[in-house]
Amino acid sequence: MDEDRVITLEEIRQRARGEIVDLPDWDGQGTIRVRLRKVDLTPVILQHNFLPNALKVKVQEAFEGKPPRPAPAPEVDLDLHKLMPALDAIAKEALVEPTYEQITEILPLTLTQKLAILEWVTKDLKALESFRGES
């Protein structure tokens, strides 16, 4: 890639289209194909006071400059009053085709499907490592 070239608007449009992703089917036996796009989680975090655990680690690294001490097992925030609305908000933003509304008019998404969308949206957190400042 040419270091002096900036991203074009057409390249941004292509990225905004999203990717075709396999999600678990409602019965858990197979998969369904949908188009998802990456989303900014900031509004979800602020509105629902919900920070996915993978992001908690990255935020701590960014502010402290080092990864947190390893824990015996990952800490899981299971406050369902925060989790469920946050998962719905993420699914609404991420689903491009069919849309969240189109799907849920027919059949609600399962928790497994919503968690799969969250996992896909946050899967590129490793890419953030290259942006961390070295101590």
C-alpha atoms as a PDB file:
ATOM      1  CA  MET A   1       0.000   0.000   0.000  1.00  0.00           C
ATOM      2  CA  ASP A   2       1.291   3.447  -0.904  1.00  0.00           C
ATOM      3  CA  GLU A   3       2.116   5.298   2.328  1.00  0.00           C
ATOM      4  CA  ASP A   4       1.266   8.687   0.775  1.00  0.00           C
ATOM      5  CA  ARG A   5      -2.198   7.627  -0.365  1.00  0.00           C
ATOM      6  CA  VAL A   6      -5.236   8.273   1.827  1.00  0.00           C
ATOM      7  CA  ILE A   7      -8.317   6.086   1.845  1.00  0.00           C
ATOM      8  CA  THR A   8     -10.815   6.982  -0.856  1.00  0.00           C
ATOM      9  CA  LEU A   9     -14.484   7.630  -0.238  1.00  0.00           C
ATOM     10  CA  GLU A  10     -15.311   4.623  -2.398  1.00  0.00           C
ATOM     11  CA  GLU A  11     -13.151   2.417  -0.159  1.00  0.00           C
ATOM     12  CA  ILE A  12     -15.045   3.743   2.863  1.00  0.00           C
ATOM     13  CA  ARG A  13     -18.357   2.984   1.109  1.00  0.00           C
ATOM     14  CA  GLN A  14     -17.199  -0.582   0.421  1.00  0.00           C
ATOM     15  CA  ARG A  15     -16.237  -1.104   4.060  1.00  0.00           C
ATOM     16  CA  ALA A  16     -19.596   0.305   5.181  1.00  0.00           C
ATOM     17  CA  ARG A  17     -21.365  -2.441   3.213  1.00  0.00           C
ATOM     18  CA  GLY A  18     -20.101  -4.932   5.788  1.00  0.00           C
ATOM     19  CA  GLU A  19     -19.293  -8.606   5.472  1.00  0.00           C
ATOM     20  CA  ILE A  20     -21.400 -11.710   5.024  1.00  0.00           C
ATOM     21  CA  VAL A  21     -21.222 -13.681   8.267  1.00  0.00           C
ATOM     22  CA  ASP A  22     -22.642 -17.009   9.404  1.00  0.00           C
ATOM     23  CA  LEU A  23     -24.665 -16.785  12.622  1.00  0.00           C
ATOM     24  CA  PRO A  24     -26.160 -19.711  14.541  1.00  0.00           C
ATOM     25  CA  ASP A  25     -29.660 -20.623  13.386  1.00  0.00           C
ATOM     26  CA  TRP A  26     -32.591 -20.328  15.788  1.00  0.00           C
ATOM     27  CA  ASP A  27     -32.584 -24.075  16.421  1.00  0.00           C
ATOM     28  CA  GLY A  28     -28.829 -24.223  17.018  1.00  0.00           C
ATOM     29  CA  GLN A  29     -28.488 -26.898  14.343  1.00  0.00           C
ATOM     30  CA  GLY A  30     -27.141 -24.822  11.489  1.00  0.00           C
ATOM     31  CA  THR A  31     -26.331 -21.290  10.444  1.00  0.00           C
ATOM     32  CA  ILE A  32     -27.929 -18.340   8.717  1.00  0.00           C
ATOM     33  CA  ARG A  33     -26.058 -15.858   6.540  1.00  0.00           C
ATOM     34  CA  VAL A  34     -26.377 -12.157   7.246  1.00  0.00           C
ATOM     35  CA  ARG A  35     -24.440  -9.039   6.359  1.00  0.00           C
ATOM     36  CA  LEU A  36     -22.852  -7.321   9.360  1.00  0.00           C
ATOM     37  CA  ARG A  37     -20.861  -4.131   9.588  1.00  0.00           C
ATOM     38  CA  LYS A  38     -18.453  -2.908  12.234  1.00  0.00           C
ATOM     39  CA  VAL A  39     -20.050  -0.419  14.603  1.00  0.00           C
ATOM     40  CA  ASP A  40     -18.907   2.205  17.066  1.00  0.00           C
ATOM     41  CA  LEU A  41     -19.633   0.782  20.505  1.00  0.00           C
ATOM     42  CA  THR A  42     -19.266   4.167  22.229  1.00  0.00           C
ATOM     43  CA  PRO A  43     -23.011   5.008  22.246  1.00  0.00           C
ATOM     44  CA  VAL A  44     -23.853   1.519  23.549  1.00  0.00           C
ATOM     45  CA  ILE A  45     -21.259   1.804  26.298  1.00  0.00           C
ATOM     46  CA  LEU A  46     -22.499   5.233  27.340  1.00  0.00           C
ATOM     47  CA  GLN A  47     -26.240   4.605  27.075  1.00  0.00           C
ATOM     48  CA  HIS A  48     -26.293   1.142  28.638  1.00  0.00           C
ATOM     49  CA  ASN A  49     -23.248   1.416  30.924  1.00  0.00           C
ATOM     50  CA  PHE A  50     -21.982  -1.830  29.389  1.00  0.00           C
ATOM     51  CA  LEU A  51     -18.366  -2.496  28.440  1.00  0.00           C
ATOM     52  CA  PRO A  52     -17.577  -5.913  26.940  1.00  0.00           C
ATOM     53  CA  ASN A  53     -14.825  -7.658  28.888  1.00  0.00           C
ATOM     54  CA  ALA A  54     -12.500  -7.767  25.870  1.00  0.00           C
ATOM     55  CA  LEU A  55     -12.739  -3.973  25.676  1.00  0.00           C
ATOM     56  CA  LYS A  56     -12.151  -3.596  29.424  1.00  0.00           C
ATOM     57  CA  VAL A  57      -8.726  -5.167  28.975  1.00  0.00           C
ATOM     58  CA  LYS A  58      -7.880  -2.899  26.024  1.00  0.00           C
ATOM     59  CA  VAL A  59      -9.032   0.225  27.884  1.00  0.00           C
ATOM     60  CA  GLN A  60      -6.920  -0.698  30.884  1.00  0.00           C
ATOM     61  CA  GLU A  61      -3.904  -1.298  28.625  1.00  0.00           C
ATOM     62  CA  ALA A  62      -4.420   2.056  26.905  1.00  0.00           C
ATOM     63  CA  PHE A  63      -4.591   3.999  30.172  1.00  0.00           C
ATOM     64  CA  GLU A  64      -1.986   2.094  32.162  1.00  0.00           C
ATOM     65  CA  GLY A  65       0.343   1.187  29.315  1.00  0.00           C
ATOM     66  CA  LYS A  66       0.499  -2.468  30.264  1.00  0.00           C
ATOM     67  CA  PRO A  67      -1.870  -5.395  30.273  1.00  0.00           C
ATOM     68  CA  PRO A  68      -3.607  -6.190  33.558  1.00  0.00           C
ATOM     69  CA  ARG A  69      -2.216  -8.989  35.703  1.00  0.00           C
ATOM     70  CA  PRO A  70      -3.485 -12.343  34.507  1.00  0.00           C
ATOM     71  CA  ALA A  71      -6.524 -13.558  36.379  1.00  0.00           C
ATOM     72  CA  PRO A  72      -7.273 -17.228  36.986  1.00  0.00           C
ATOM     73  CA  ALA A  73     -10.472 -16.911  34.957  1.00  0.00           C
ATOM     74  CA  PRO A  74     -11.937 -14.043  32.937  1.00  0.00           C
ATOM     75  CA  GLU A  75     -14.262 -11.783  34.878  1.00  0.00           C
ATOM     76  CA  VAL A  76     -17.725 -11.812  33.363  1.00  0.00           C
ATOM     77  CA  ASP A  77     -20.204  -9.002  33.914  1.00  0.00           C
ATOM     78  CA  LEU A  78     -23.584 -10.730  33.896  1.00  0.00           C
ATOM     79  CA  ASP A  79     -25.789  -7.794  34.830  1.00  0.00           C
ATOM     80  CA  LEU A  80     -28.605  -8.803  32.505  1.00  0.00           C
ATOM     81  CA  HIS A  81     -30.315  -5.422  32.901  1.00  0.00           C
ATOM     82  CA  LYS A  82     -27.279  -3.897  31.152  1.00  0.00           C
ATOM     83  CA  LEU A  83     -26.367  -6.812  28.911  1.00  0.00           C
ATOM     84  CA  MET A  84     -29.637  -7.467  27.071  1.00  0.00           C
ATOM     85  CA  PRO A  85     -30.396  -3.895  25.925  1.00  0.00           C
ATOM     86  CA  ALA A  86     -26.731  -3.485  24.940  1.00  0.00           C
ATOM     87  CA  LEU A  87     -26.791  -6.669  22.848  1.00  0.00           C
ATOM     88  CA  ASP A  88     -29.986  -5.519  21.133  1.00  0.00           C
ATOM     89  CA  ALA A  89     -28.469  -2.091  20.396  1.00  0.00           C
ATOM     90  CA  ILE A  90     -25.319  -3.680  18.951  1.00  0.00           C
ATOM     91  CA  ALA A  91     -27.361  -6.086  16.797  1.00  0.00           C
ATOM     92  CA  LYS A  92     -29.533  -3.211  15.514  1.00  0.00           C
ATOM     93  CA  GLU A  93     -26.451  -1.254  14.448  1.00  0.00           C
ATOM     94  CA  ALA A  94     -24.469  -4.178  13.056  1.00  0.00           C
ATOM     95  CA  LEU A  95     -27.134  -5.953  10.990  1.00  0.00           C
ATOM     96  CA  VAL A  96     -27.207  -4.530   7.475  1.00  0.00           C
ATOM     97  CA  GLU A  97     -28.967  -7.240   5.490  1.00  0.00           C
ATOM     98  CA  PRO A  98     -31.496  -8.262   6.544  1.00  0.00           C
ATOM     99  CA  THR A  99     -31.923  -5.533   9.124  1.00  0.00           C
ATOM    100  CA  TYR A 100     -32.634  -6.198  12.796  1.00  0.00           C
ATOM    101  CA  GLU A 101     -36.176  -4.898  12.356  1.00  0.00           C
ATOM    102  CA  GLN A 102     -36.852  -7.096   9.334  1.00  0.00           C
ATOM    103  CA  ILE A 103     -35.694 -10.208  11.182  1.00  0.00           C
ATOM    104  CA  THR A 104     -37.443  -9.503  14.475  1.00  0.00           C
ATOM    105  CA  GLU A 105     -40.767  -8.788  12.750  1.00  0.00           C
ATOM    106  CA  ILE A 106     -40.772 -12.496  11.934  1.00  0.00           C
ATOM    107  CA  LEU A 107     -38.718 -14.130  14.682  1.00  0.00           C
ATOM    108  CA  PRO A 108     -36.716 -12.634  17.564  1.00  0.00           C
ATOM    109  CA  LEU A 109     -32.978 -13.160  17.609  1.00  0.00           C
ATOM    110  CA  THR A 110     -31.744 -15.610  20.209  1.00  0.00           C
ATOM    111  CA  LEU A 111     -29.195 -14.790  22.883  1.00  0.00           C
ATOM    112  CA  THR A 112     -26.726 -17.031  21.053  1.00  0.00           C
ATOM    113  CA  GLN A 113     -27.209 -15.040  17.834  1.00  0.00           C
ATOM    114  CA  LYS A 114     -26.787 -11.713  19.653  1.00  0.00           C
ATOM    115  CA  LEU A 115     -23.625 -12.941  21.359  1.00  0.00           C
ATOM    116  CA  ALA A 116     -22.272 -14.111  17.999  1.00  0.00           C
ATOM    117  CA  ILE A 117     -22.866 -10.607  16.602  1.00  0.00           C
ATOM    118  CA  LEU A 118     -21.075  -9.078  19.604  1.00  0.00           C
ATOM    119  CA  GLU A 119     -18.168 -11.476  19.123  1.00  0.00           C
ATOM    120  CA  TRP A 120     -17.897 -10.573  15.425  1.00  0.00           C
ATOM    121  CA  VAL A 121     -18.096  -6.822  16.136  1.00  0.00           C
ATOM    122  CA  THR A 122     -15.310  -7.042  18.740  1.00  0.00           C
ATOM    123  CA  LYS A 123     -13.139  -9.710  17.071  1.00  0.00           C
ATOM    124  CA  ASP A 124     -10.587  -7.234  15.716  1.00  0.00           C
ATOM    125  CA  LEU A 125      -9.486  -5.965  19.121  1.00  0.00           C
ATOM    126  CA  LYS A 126      -6.056  -7.494  18.491  1.00  0.00           C
ATOM    127  CA  ALA A 127      -5.598  -4.834  15.803  1.00  0.00           C
ATOM    128  CA  LEU A 128      -5.580  -2.228  18.565  1.00  0.00           C
ATOM    129  CA  GLU A 129      -2.308  -3.648  19.898  1.00  0.00           C
ATOM    130  CA  SER A 130      -0.376  -2.013  17.074  1.00  0.00           C
ATOM    131  CA  PHE A 131      -1.684   1.403  18.162  1.00  0.00           C
ATOM    132  CA  ARG A 132      -0.583   1.128  21.785  1.00  0.00           C
ATOM    133  CA  GLY A 133       2.309   3.291  22.776  1.00  0.00           C
ATOM    134  CA  GLU A 134       5.398   1.436  23.966  1.00  0.00           C
ATOM    135  CA  SER A 135       6.577   2.202  27.496  1.00  0.00           C
END
